[in-house]
């Protein structure tokens, strides 16, 4: 797979997302007392984050940048231009997910002063600092604080040391849950691929050694969503990328992407996937694609050559 072909897969995925944007819209249950965050705010936040990443790695005149900007604007409008975060803050003052979602918008310059003021007050409390969280989730909150202009309540390297990945575990202990945990550790550590140099050398070396067999296992098992996340991790490490890993993995992903651009989370290629079964993996395809192409461009520039393919 050439860089041009990888970009085409990501462009098709983002086009599918745009065509199905209403699936990300917030409904009346977004602020309901027992509303399901996983089907309301979570998809919208993931949409915003991927659009931010696409914008970071593309020129403003690039059609992908324009489309990502349009989708980001749509997502921001869904939040009432930030006003709904204030309501979430009132309803769930110590919940972290509103800040984690808001941070994606804030990193793109879309901010709401009232929400930031309210969150800053809560973030100074002992209750916020002492909330018990999984280590990778703590890293998400720390990165979200930084992106939103709030003081980080803990040191990121300290939070990293408590994760599964930082322990350099036996590679055969890798399984689905561990895979998703390690990908998000890298995403929060590097601010979603923006700062590869933030990955400590021992962790980077460990991942360079084991990512290829782990990714091959996921592809063999048709775990397309996690495969895309692992490809994004491969593009978020310092140093030159593994071209063989990229080429083989993207060739296999190209087979499962359907004509509309959708990629299923798991299983075989389908002509009419349900939104909930493919929206995240399709977003991750766009995310991994733009990171992969960016790393290939950096490598080509360092070699004094054009972009491969």
C-alpha atoms as a PDB file:
ATOM      1  CA  UNK A   1       0.000   0.000   0.000  1.00  0.00           C
ATOM      2  CA  UNK A   2       1.337   3.419  -0.974  1.00  0.00           C
ATOM      3  CA  UNK A   3       0.815   6.613   1.001  1.00  0.00           C
ATOM      4  CA  UNK A   4      -1.683   7.689  -1.655  1.00  0.00           C
ATOM      5  CA  UNK A   5      -3.690   4.487  -1.185  1.00  0.00           C
ATOM      6  CA  UNK A   6      -3.629   4.789   2.616  1.00  0.00           C
ATOM      7  CA  UNK A   7      -4.869   8.371   2.323  1.00  0.00           C
ATOM      8  CA  UNK A   8      -7.669   7.195   0.020  1.00  0.00           C
ATOM      9  CA  UNK A   9      -8.855   4.702   2.649  1.00  0.00           C
ATOM     10  CA  UNK A  10      -8.934   7.436   5.270  1.00  0.00           C
ATOM     11  CA  UNK A  11     -10.702   9.841   2.931  1.00  0.00           C
ATOM     12  CA  UNK A  12     -13.391   7.251   2.173  1.00  0.00           C
ATOM     13  CA  UNK A  13     -13.846   6.627   5.904  1.00  0.00           C
ATOM     14  CA  UNK A  14     -14.242  10.334   6.654  1.00  0.00           C
ATOM     15  CA  UNK A  15     -16.697  10.672   3.769  1.00  0.00           C
ATOM     16  CA  UNK A  16     -18.824   7.903   5.333  1.00  0.00           C
ATOM     17  CA  UNK A  17     -18.696   9.710   8.673  1.00  0.00           C
ATOM     18  CA  UNK A  18     -19.859  12.921   7.012  1.00  0.00           C
ATOM     19  CA  UNK A  19     -22.712  11.147   5.237  1.00  0.00           C
ATOM     20  CA  UNK A  20     -23.824   9.647   8.578  1.00  0.00           C
ATOM     21  CA  UNK A  21     -23.222  12.667  10.789  1.00  0.00           C
ATOM     22  CA  UNK A  22     -26.751  12.596  12.159  1.00  0.00           C
ATOM     23  CA  UNK A  23     -25.796   9.396  13.948  1.00  0.00           C
ATOM     24  CA  UNK A  24     -23.503  11.522  16.117  1.00  0.00           C
ATOM     25  CA  UNK A  25     -26.186  14.116  16.932  1.00  0.00           C
ATOM     26  CA  UNK A  26     -27.144  14.565  20.572  1.00  0.00           C
ATOM     27  CA  UNK A  27     -30.737  13.605  21.296  1.00  0.00           C
ATOM     28  CA  UNK A  28     -33.065  14.548  24.128  1.00  0.00           C
ATOM     29  CA  UNK A  29     -31.461  11.874  26.301  1.00  0.00           C
ATOM     30  CA  UNK A  30     -28.046  13.574  26.304  1.00  0.00           C
ATOM     31  CA  UNK A  31     -28.826  15.296  29.599  1.00  0.00           C
ATOM     32  CA  UNK A  32     -31.193  12.665  30.989  1.00  0.00           C
ATOM     33  CA  UNK A  33     -30.498  11.515  34.527  1.00  0.00           C
ATOM     34  CA  UNK A  34     -29.960   7.925  33.438  1.00  0.00           C
ATOM     35  CA  UNK A  35     -28.929   8.620  29.849  1.00  0.00           C
ATOM     36  CA  UNK A  36     -26.419   6.344  28.146  1.00  0.00           C
ATOM     37  CA  UNK A  37     -23.236   8.367  27.692  1.00  0.00           C
ATOM     38  CA  UNK A  38     -21.799   5.636  25.463  1.00  0.00           C
ATOM     39  CA  UNK A  39     -24.427   6.275  22.795  1.00  0.00           C
ATOM     40  CA  UNK A  40     -24.648  10.068  23.128  1.00  0.00           C
ATOM     41  CA  UNK A  41     -21.624  12.018  24.308  1.00  0.00           C
ATOM     42  CA  UNK A  42     -18.983   9.370  23.636  1.00  0.00           C
ATOM     43  CA  UNK A  43     -19.543   9.120  19.851  1.00  0.00           C
ATOM     44  CA  UNK A  44     -19.692  12.910  19.563  1.00  0.00           C
ATOM     45  CA  UNK A  45     -16.461  13.296  21.501  1.00  0.00           C
ATOM     46  CA  UNK A  46     -14.742  10.674  19.365  1.00  0.00           C
ATOM     47  CA  UNK A  47     -15.905  12.481  16.229  1.00  0.00           C
ATOM     48  CA  UNK A  48     -14.481  15.746  17.531  1.00  0.00           C
ATOM     49  CA  UNK A  49     -11.148  14.185  18.458  1.00  0.00           C
ATOM     50  CA  UNK A  50     -10.625  12.528  15.085  1.00  0.00           C
ATOM     51  CA  UNK A  51     -11.526  15.744  13.267  1.00  0.00           C
ATOM     52  CA  UNK A  52      -8.994  17.643  15.371  1.00  0.00           C
ATOM     53  CA  UNK A  53      -6.329  15.099  14.401  1.00  0.00           C
ATOM     54  CA  UNK A  54      -7.176  15.273  10.700  1.00  0.00           C
ATOM     55  CA  UNK A  55      -6.964  19.070  10.811  1.00  0.00           C
ATOM     56  CA  UNK A  56      -3.591  18.950  12.585  1.00  0.00           C
ATOM     57  CA  UNK A  57      -2.005  16.812   9.888  1.00  0.00           C
ATOM     58  CA  UNK A  58      -3.458  18.315   6.733  1.00  0.00           C
ATOM     59  CA  UNK A  59      -3.071  21.625   4.939  1.00  0.00           C
ATOM     60  CA  UNK A  60      -6.024  24.051   5.306  1.00  0.00           C
ATOM     61  CA  UNK A  61      -6.637  23.823   1.556  1.00  0.00           C
ATOM     62  CA  UNK A  62      -6.730  20.011   1.632  1.00  0.00           C
ATOM     63  CA  UNK A  63     -10.268  18.616   1.069  1.00  0.00           C
ATOM     64  CA  UNK A  64      -9.757  16.346   4.095  1.00  0.00           C
ATOM     65  CA  UNK A  65      -9.008  19.381   6.261  1.00  0.00           C
ATOM     66  CA  UNK A  66     -12.084  21.172   4.950  1.00  0.00           C
ATOM     67  CA  UNK A  67     -14.317  18.164   5.602  1.00  0.00           C
ATOM     68  CA  UNK A  68     -12.890  17.633   9.092  1.00  0.00           C
ATOM     69  CA  UNK A  69     -13.450  21.315   9.877  1.00  0.00           C
ATOM     70  CA  UNK A  70     -17.057  21.039   8.755  1.00  0.00           C
ATOM     71  CA  UNK A  71     -17.637  17.981  10.929  1.00  0.00           C
ATOM     72  CA  UNK A  72     -15.942  19.632  13.909  1.00  0.00           C
ATOM     73  CA  UNK A  73     -18.217  22.637  13.506  1.00  0.00           C
ATOM     74  CA  UNK A  74     -21.213  20.286  13.400  1.00  0.00           C
ATOM     75  CA  UNK A  75     -20.054  18.586  16.608  1.00  0.00           C
ATOM     76  CA  UNK A  76     -19.527  21.939  18.359  1.00  0.00           C
ATOM     77  CA  UNK A  77     -23.005  23.063  17.358  1.00  0.00           C
ATOM     78  CA  UNK A  78     -24.391  19.869  18.893  1.00  0.00           C
ATOM     79  CA  UNK A  79     -22.998  21.009  22.244  1.00  0.00           C
ATOM     80  CA  UNK A  80     -24.749  24.362  21.951  1.00  0.00           C
ATOM     81  CA  UNK A  81     -21.316  25.886  21.259  1.00  0.00           C
ATOM     82  CA  UNK A  82     -20.214  24.623  24.648  1.00  0.00           C
ATOM     83  CA  UNK A  83     -23.296  25.580  26.633  1.00  0.00           C
ATOM     84  CA  UNK A  84     -24.353  21.965  27.221  1.00  0.00           C
ATOM     85  CA  UNK A  85     -21.054  21.311  29.004  1.00  0.00           C
ATOM     86  CA  UNK A  86     -22.116  23.844  31.631  1.00  0.00           C
ATOM     87  CA  UNK A  87     -25.317  21.873  32.166  1.00  0.00           C
ATOM     88  CA  UNK A  88     -23.382  18.605  32.396  1.00  0.00           C
ATOM     89  CA  UNK A  89     -21.142  20.243  34.975  1.00  0.00           C
ATOM     90  CA  UNK A  90     -24.174  21.191  37.042  1.00  0.00           C
ATOM     91  CA  UNK A  91     -25.704  17.712  36.804  1.00  0.00           C
ATOM     92  CA  UNK A  92     -22.490  15.726  37.381  1.00  0.00           C
ATOM     93  CA  UNK A  93     -19.900  18.083  38.897  1.00  0.00           C
ATOM     94  CA  UNK A  94     -17.284  15.385  39.545  1.00  0.00           C
ATOM     95  CA  UNK A  95     -17.705  13.428  36.313  1.00  0.00           C
ATOM     96  CA  UNK A  96     -14.573  13.577  34.176  1.00  0.00           C
ATOM     97  CA  UNK A  97     -16.037  12.635  30.801  1.00  0.00           C
ATOM     98  CA  UNK A  98     -17.377  16.141  30.045  1.00  0.00           C
ATOM     99  CA  UNK A  99     -13.871  17.602  30.383  1.00  0.00           C
ATOM    100  CA  UNK A 100     -12.378  14.753  28.346  1.00  0.00           C
ATOM    101  CA  UNK A 101     -14.787  15.533  25.508  1.00  0.00           C
ATOM    102  CA  UNK A 102     -14.520  19.295  25.873  1.00  0.00           C
ATOM    103  CA  UNK A 103     -10.723  19.101  25.689  1.00  0.00           C
ATOM    104  CA  UNK A 104     -10.848  18.035  22.046  1.00  0.00           C
ATOM    105  CA  UNK A 105     -12.801  21.169  21.152  1.00  0.00           C
ATOM    106  CA  UNK A 106     -10.581  23.368  23.339  1.00  0.00           C
ATOM    107  CA  UNK A 107      -7.466  22.084  21.565  1.00  0.00           C
ATOM    108  CA  UNK A 108      -8.974  23.405  18.323  1.00  0.00           C
ATOM    109  CA  UNK A 109      -9.723  26.809  19.849  1.00  0.00           C
ATOM    110  CA  UNK A 110     -13.426  26.134  20.494  1.00  0.00           C
ATOM    111  CA  UNK A 111     -13.888  27.204  24.102  1.00  0.00           C
ATOM    112  CA  UNK A 112     -16.616  28.157  26.576  1.00  0.00           C
ATOM    113  CA  UNK A 113     -15.467  30.476  29.371  1.00  0.00           C
ATOM    114  CA  UNK A 114     -18.340  29.593  31.696  1.00  0.00           C
ATOM    115  CA  UNK A 115     -17.648  25.882  31.548  1.00  0.00           C
ATOM    116  CA  UNK A 116     -13.911  26.357  32.025  1.00  0.00           C
ATOM    117  CA  UNK A 117     -14.515  28.528  35.085  1.00  0.00           C
ATOM    118  CA  UNK A 118     -16.865  25.981  36.656  1.00  0.00           C
ATOM    119  CA  UNK A 119     -14.533  23.079  35.915  1.00  0.00           C
ATOM    120  CA  UNK A 120     -11.514  24.939  37.260  1.00  0.00           C
ATOM    121  CA  UNK A 121     -13.312  25.304  40.590  1.00  0.00           C
ATOM    122  CA  UNK A 122     -14.086  21.586  40.808  1.00  0.00           C
ATOM    123  CA  UNK A 123     -10.595  20.636  39.614  1.00  0.00           C
ATOM    124  CA  UNK A 124      -9.080  22.348  42.657  1.00  0.00           C
ATOM    125  CA  UNK A 125     -10.924  20.087  45.103  1.00  0.00           C
ATOM    126  CA  UNK A 126      -9.493  17.091  46.914  1.00  0.00           C
ATOM    127  CA  UNK A 127     -12.428  15.074  45.606  1.00  0.00           C
ATOM    128  CA  UNK A 128     -11.296  15.646  42.005  1.00  0.00           C
ATOM    129  CA  UNK A 129      -7.645  14.883  42.768  1.00  0.00           C
ATOM    130  CA  UNK A 130      -8.455  11.692  44.660  1.00  0.00           C
ATOM    131  CA  UNK A 131     -11.057  10.178  42.351  1.00  0.00           C
ATOM    132  CA  UNK A 132     -10.188   6.512  41.851  1.00  0.00           C
ATOM    133  CA  UNK A 133      -9.610   5.751  38.181  1.00  0.00           C
ATOM    134  CA  UNK A 134      -7.921   3.219  35.965  1.00  0.00           C
ATOM    135  CA  UNK A 135      -4.364   4.458  35.218  1.00  0.00           C
ATOM    136  CA  UNK A 136      -5.025   5.031  31.523  1.00  0.00           C
ATOM    137  CA  UNK A 137      -8.171   7.008  32.379  1.00  0.00           C
ATOM    138  CA  UNK A 138      -6.162   9.132  34.818  1.00  0.00           C
ATOM    139  CA  UNK A 139      -3.822   9.937  31.941  1.00  0.00           C
ATOM    140  CA  UNK A 140      -6.815  10.973  29.836  1.00  0.00           C
ATOM    141  CA  UNK A 141      -7.935  13.414  32.525  1.00  0.00           C
ATOM    142  CA  UNK A 142      -4.423  14.840  32.903  1.00  0.00           C
ATOM    143  CA  UNK A 143      -4.109  15.375  29.160  1.00  0.00           C
ATOM    144  CA  UNK A 144      -7.582  16.926  29.097  1.00  0.00           C
ATOM    145  CA  UNK A 145      -6.640  19.328  31.877  1.00  0.00           C
ATOM    146  CA  UNK A 146      -3.576  20.401  29.940  1.00  0.00           C
ATOM    147  CA  UNK A 147      -5.471  20.857  26.692  1.00  0.00           C
ATOM    148  CA  UNK A 148      -8.153  22.891  28.446  1.00  0.00           C
ATOM    149  CA  UNK A 149      -5.709  25.184  30.220  1.00  0.00           C
ATOM    150  CA  UNK A 150      -6.226  23.712  33.705  1.00  0.00           C
ATOM    151  CA  UNK A 151      -3.319  22.848  36.027  1.00  0.00           C
ATOM    152  CA  UNK A 152      -2.513  19.140  35.792  1.00  0.00           C
ATOM    153  CA  UNK A 153      -3.288  17.658  39.204  1.00  0.00           C
ATOM    154  CA  UNK A 154      -0.684  14.907  38.839  1.00  0.00           C
ATOM    155  CA  UNK A 155       2.558  14.280  36.998  1.00  0.00           C
ATOM    156  CA  UNK A 156       1.990  12.414  33.705  1.00  0.00           C
ATOM    157  CA  UNK A 157       5.134  10.215  34.020  1.00  0.00           C
ATOM    158  CA  UNK A 158       3.958   9.145  37.464  1.00  0.00           C
ATOM    159  CA  UNK A 159       0.554   8.216  36.050  1.00  0.00           C
ATOM    160  CA  UNK A 160       2.248   6.329  33.211  1.00  0.00           C
ATOM    161  CA  UNK A 161       4.265   4.202  35.640  1.00  0.00           C
ATOM    162  CA  UNK A 162       1.061   2.654  37.004  1.00  0.00           C
ATOM    163  CA  UNK A 163      -0.088   1.364  33.601  1.00  0.00           C
ATOM    164  CA  UNK A 164       0.122  -2.155  32.195  1.00  0.00           C
ATOM    165  CA  UNK A 165       2.208  -0.926  29.274  1.00  0.00           C
ATOM    166  CA  UNK A 166       4.847   0.870  31.359  1.00  0.00           C
ATOM    167  CA  UNK A 167       5.539  -2.408  33.174  1.00  0.00           C
ATOM    168  CA  UNK A 168       6.706  -3.930  29.867  1.00  0.00           C
ATOM    169  CA  UNK A 169       4.620  -7.044  30.532  1.00  0.00           C
ATOM    170  CA  UNK A 170       5.170 -10.475  29.058  1.00  0.00           C
ATOM    171  CA  UNK A 171       4.015 -10.125  25.439  1.00  0.00           C
ATOM    172  CA  UNK A 172       1.837 -13.226  25.630  1.00  0.00           C
ATOM    173  CA  UNK A 173      -0.366 -11.446  28.221  1.00  0.00           C
ATOM    174  CA  UNK A 174      -1.638  -9.163  25.451  1.00  0.00           C
ATOM    175  CA  UNK A 175      -5.378  -9.584  24.867  1.00  0.00           C
ATOM    176  CA  UNK A 176      -8.296  -7.401  23.784  1.00  0.00           C
ATOM    177  CA  UNK A 177      -8.671  -5.324  26.955  1.00  0.00           C
ATOM    178  CA  UNK A 178      -4.917  -4.864  27.306  1.00  0.00           C
ATOM    179  CA  UNK A 179      -4.747  -3.814  23.667  1.00  0.00           C
ATOM    180  CA  UNK A 180      -7.289  -1.030  24.032  1.00  0.00           C
ATOM    181  CA  UNK A 181      -5.662   0.072  27.283  1.00  0.00           C
ATOM    182  CA  UNK A 182      -2.201   0.379  25.770  1.00  0.00           C
ATOM    183  CA  UNK A 183      -3.435   2.262  22.698  1.00  0.00           C
ATOM    184  CA  UNK A 184      -5.102   4.879  24.867  1.00  0.00           C
ATOM    185  CA  UNK A 185      -2.065   5.182  27.105  1.00  0.00           C
ATOM    186  CA  UNK A 186      -0.084   6.174  24.001  1.00  0.00           C
ATOM    187  CA  UNK A 187      -2.843   8.471  22.722  1.00  0.00           C
ATOM    188  CA  UNK A 188      -2.988  10.412  25.999  1.00  0.00           C
ATOM    189  CA  UNK A 189       0.788  10.408  26.429  1.00  0.00           C
ATOM    190  CA  UNK A 190       1.399  11.810  22.922  1.00  0.00           C
ATOM    191  CA  UNK A 191      -1.742  13.978  22.752  1.00  0.00           C
ATOM    192  CA  UNK A 192      -3.203  11.751  20.054  1.00  0.00           C
ATOM    193  CA  UNK A 193      -0.043  11.344  18.028  1.00  0.00           C
ATOM    194  CA  UNK A 194       1.091  14.960  18.154  1.00  0.00           C
ATOM    195  CA  UNK A 195       4.220  14.452  20.301  1.00  0.00           C
ATOM    196  CA  UNK A 196       5.871  11.050  19.634  1.00  0.00           C
ATOM    197  CA  UNK A 197       8.916  12.170  21.641  1.00  0.00           C
ATOM    198  CA  UNK A 198       6.791  11.943  24.812  1.00  0.00           C
ATOM    199  CA  UNK A 199       7.003   8.124  24.690  1.00  0.00           C
ATOM    200  CA  UNK A 200       9.859   7.017  26.983  1.00  0.00           C
ATOM    201  CA  UNK A 201      12.603   5.059  25.147  1.00  0.00           C
ATOM    202  CA  UNK A 202      12.006   1.739  26.996  1.00  0.00           C
ATOM    203  CA  UNK A 203       8.289   1.842  26.161  1.00  0.00           C
ATOM    204  CA  UNK A 204       8.969   2.832  22.547  1.00  0.00           C
ATOM    205  CA  UNK A 205      11.491   0.011  22.130  1.00  0.00           C
ATOM    206  CA  UNK A 206       9.101  -2.501  23.682  1.00  0.00           C
ATOM    207  CA  UNK A 207       6.289  -1.464  21.341  1.00  0.00           C
ATOM    208  CA  UNK A 208       8.537  -1.535  18.288  1.00  0.00           C
ATOM    209  CA  UNK A 209       9.381  -5.127  19.112  1.00  0.00           C
ATOM    210  CA  UNK A 210       5.857  -6.396  19.814  1.00  0.00           C
ATOM    211  CA  UNK A 211       3.431  -4.231  17.847  1.00  0.00           C
ATOM    212  CA  UNK A 212       3.874  -6.228  14.640  1.00  0.00           C
ATOM    213  CA  UNK A 213       2.926  -9.652  16.072  1.00  0.00           C
ATOM    214  CA  UNK A 214       0.100  -8.133  18.143  1.00  0.00           C
ATOM    215  CA  UNK A 215      -1.271  -6.341  15.109  1.00  0.00           C
ATOM    216  CA  UNK A 216      -0.988  -9.493  13.012  1.00  0.00           C
ATOM    217  CA  UNK A 217      -2.989 -11.376  15.652  1.00  0.00           C
ATOM    218  CA  UNK A 218      -5.724  -8.726  15.625  1.00  0.00           C
ATOM    219  CA  UNK A 219      -5.915  -8.697  11.839  1.00  0.00           C
ATOM    220  CA  UNK A 220      -6.086 -12.483  11.753  1.00  0.00           C
ATOM    221  CA  UNK A 221      -8.960 -12.363  14.257  1.00  0.00           C
ATOM    222  CA  UNK A 222     -10.701  -9.622  12.206  1.00  0.00           C
ATOM    223  CA  UNK A 223     -10.482  -7.117  15.074  1.00  0.00           C
ATOM    224  CA  UNK A 224     -10.459  -4.147  12.716  1.00  0.00           C
ATOM    225  CA  UNK A 225     -11.161  -1.453  15.290  1.00  0.00           C
ATOM    226  CA  UNK A 226      -8.254  -2.435  17.526  1.00  0.00           C
ATOM    227  CA  UNK A 227      -6.079  -2.984  14.456  1.00  0.00           C
ATOM    228  CA  UNK A 228      -6.618   0.640  13.434  1.00  0.00           C
ATOM    229  CA  UNK A 229      -5.797   1.822  16.950  1.00  0.00           C
ATOM    230  CA  UNK A 230      -2.564  -0.206  16.906  1.00  0.00           C
ATOM    231  CA  UNK A 231      -1.688   1.341  13.541  1.00  0.00           C
ATOM    232  CA  UNK A 232      -2.235   4.764  15.085  1.00  0.00           C
ATOM    233  CA  UNK A 233       0.116   3.777  17.913  1.00  0.00           C
ATOM    234  CA  UNK A 234       2.730   2.654  15.385  1.00  0.00           C
ATOM    235  CA  UNK A 235       2.493   6.142  13.872  1.00  0.00           C
ATOM    236  CA  UNK A 236       2.820   7.808  17.293  1.00  0.00           C
ATOM    237  CA  UNK A 237       6.223   6.397  18.228  1.00  0.00           C
ATOM    238  CA  UNK A 238       9.499   8.301  17.883  1.00  0.00           C
ATOM    239  CA  UNK A 239      11.872   7.312  15.129  1.00  0.00           C
ATOM    240  CA  UNK A 240      11.256   5.973  11.613  1.00  0.00           C
ATOM    241  CA  UNK A 241       8.048   4.003  11.058  1.00  0.00           C
ATOM    242  CA  UNK A 242       7.904   0.291  10.269  1.00  0.00           C
ATOM    243  CA  UNK A 243       7.095   0.330   6.551  1.00  0.00           C
ATOM    244  CA  UNK A 244       6.486  -3.411   6.298  1.00  0.00           C
ATOM    245  CA  UNK A 245       3.984  -3.267   9.159  1.00  0.00           C
ATOM    246  CA  UNK A 246       2.145  -0.361   7.532  1.00  0.00           C
ATOM    247  CA  UNK A 247       2.000  -1.917   4.080  1.00  0.00           C
ATOM    248  CA  UNK A 248       0.702  -5.316   5.148  1.00  0.00           C
ATOM    249  CA  UNK A 249      -1.834  -4.030   7.664  1.00  0.00           C
ATOM    250  CA  UNK A 250      -3.298  -1.378   5.379  1.00  0.00           C
ATOM    251  CA  UNK A 251      -3.543  -3.876   2.513  1.00  0.00           C
ATOM    252  CA  UNK A 252      -5.632  -6.153   4.738  1.00  0.00           C
ATOM    253  CA  UNK A 253      -7.793  -3.284   5.961  1.00  0.00           C
ATOM    254  CA  UNK A 254      -8.477  -2.189   2.399  1.00  0.00           C
ATOM    255  CA  UNK A 255     -10.226  -5.507   1.754  1.00  0.00           C
ATOM    256  CA  UNK A 256     -12.714  -5.089   4.591  1.00  0.00           C
ATOM    257  CA  UNK A 257     -13.654  -1.447   3.922  1.00  0.00           C
ATOM    258  CA  UNK A 258     -16.904  -1.426   1.960  1.00  0.00           C
ATOM    259  CA  UNK A 259     -17.728   0.782  -1.001  1.00  0.00           C
ATOM    260  CA  UNK A 260     -19.324   3.445   1.201  1.00  0.00           C
ATOM    261  CA  UNK A 261     -16.135   3.818   3.254  1.00  0.00           C
ATOM    262  CA  UNK A 262     -17.392   2.045   6.391  1.00  0.00           C
ATOM    263  CA  UNK A 263     -15.148  -0.392   8.265  1.00  0.00           C
ATOM    264  CA  UNK A 264     -16.729  -2.906  10.671  1.00  0.00           C
ATOM    265  CA  UNK A 265     -15.423  -3.166  14.213  1.00  0.00           C
ATOM    266  CA  UNK A 266     -15.085  -6.927  13.882  1.00  0.00           C
ATOM    267  CA  UNK A 267     -15.856  -9.643  11.366  1.00  0.00           C
ATOM    268  CA  UNK A 268     -16.116  -9.733   7.623  1.00  0.00           C
ATOM    269  CA  UNK A 269     -16.918  -7.077   5.073  1.00  0.00           C
ATOM    270  CA  UNK A 270     -20.551  -6.001   4.990  1.00  0.00           C
ATOM    271  CA  UNK A 271     -22.495  -3.923   2.499  1.00  0.00           C
ATOM    272  CA  UNK A 272     -24.906  -2.298   4.967  1.00  0.00           C
ATOM    273  CA  UNK A 273     -23.379  -2.054   8.461  1.00  0.00           C
ATOM    274  CA  UNK A 274     -25.321  -0.583  11.376  1.00  0.00           C
ATOM    275  CA  UNK A 275     -24.026   2.781  12.553  1.00  0.00           C
ATOM    276  CA  UNK A 276     -23.266   1.561  16.068  1.00  0.00           C
ATOM    277  CA  UNK A 277     -21.312  -1.418  14.699  1.00  0.00           C
ATOM    278  CA  UNK A 278     -18.955   0.563  12.513  1.00  0.00           C
ATOM    279  CA  UNK A 279     -18.822   4.241  13.469  1.00  0.00           C
ATOM    280  CA  UNK A 280     -15.831   3.888  15.820  1.00  0.00           C
ATOM    281  CA  UNK A 281     -13.762   1.632  13.577  1.00  0.00           C
ATOM    282  CA  UNK A 282     -14.474   3.942  10.637  1.00  0.00           C
ATOM    283  CA  UNK A 283     -13.342   6.945  12.685  1.00  0.00           C
ATOM    284  CA  UNK A 284     -10.230   5.021  13.714  1.00  0.00           C
ATOM    285  CA  UNK A 285      -9.511   4.242  10.056  1.00  0.00           C
ATOM    286  CA  UNK A 286      -9.496   7.957   9.275  1.00  0.00           C
ATOM    287  CA  UNK A 287      -7.386   8.672  12.372  1.00  0.00           C
ATOM    288  CA  UNK A 288      -4.796   5.974  11.681  1.00  0.00           C
ATOM    289  CA  UNK A 289      -4.670   6.913   8.001  1.00  0.00           C
ATOM    290  CA  UNK A 290      -3.813  10.554   8.565  1.00  0.00           C
ATOM    291  CA  UNK A 291      -1.140   9.647  11.133  1.00  0.00           C
ATOM    292  CA  UNK A 292       0.367   7.011   8.836  1.00  0.00           C
ATOM    293  CA  UNK A 293       0.540   9.356   5.863  1.00  0.00           C
ATOM    294  CA  UNK A 294       2.040  12.078   8.042  1.00  0.00           C
ATOM    295  CA  UNK A 295       4.819   9.769   9.255  1.00  0.00           C
ATOM    296  CA  UNK A 296       5.526   8.606   5.704  1.00  0.00           C
ATOM    297  CA  UNK A 297       5.828  12.242   4.623  1.00  0.00           C
ATOM    298  CA  UNK A 298       8.220  12.981   7.481  1.00  0.00           C
ATOM    299  CA  UNK A 299      10.340   9.994   6.543  1.00  0.00           C
ATOM    300  CA  UNK A 300      10.410  11.008   2.881  1.00  0.00           C
ATOM    301  CA  UNK A 301      11.339  14.578   3.796  1.00  0.00           C
ATOM    302  CA  UNK A 302      14.176  13.352   6.006  1.00  0.00           C
ATOM    303  CA  UNK A 303      15.465  11.234   3.097  1.00  0.00           C
ATOM    304  CA  UNK A 304      15.133  14.142   0.691  1.00  0.00           C
ATOM    305  CA  UNK A 305      12.596  12.257  -1.399  1.00  0.00           C
ATOM    306  CA  UNK A 306       8.955  12.700  -2.340  1.00  0.00           C
ATOM    307  CA  UNK A 307       6.116  11.051  -0.488  1.00  0.00           C
ATOM    308  CA  UNK A 308       6.184   7.274  -1.143  1.00  0.00           C
ATOM    309  CA  UNK A 309       3.551   6.346  -3.689  1.00  0.00           C
END
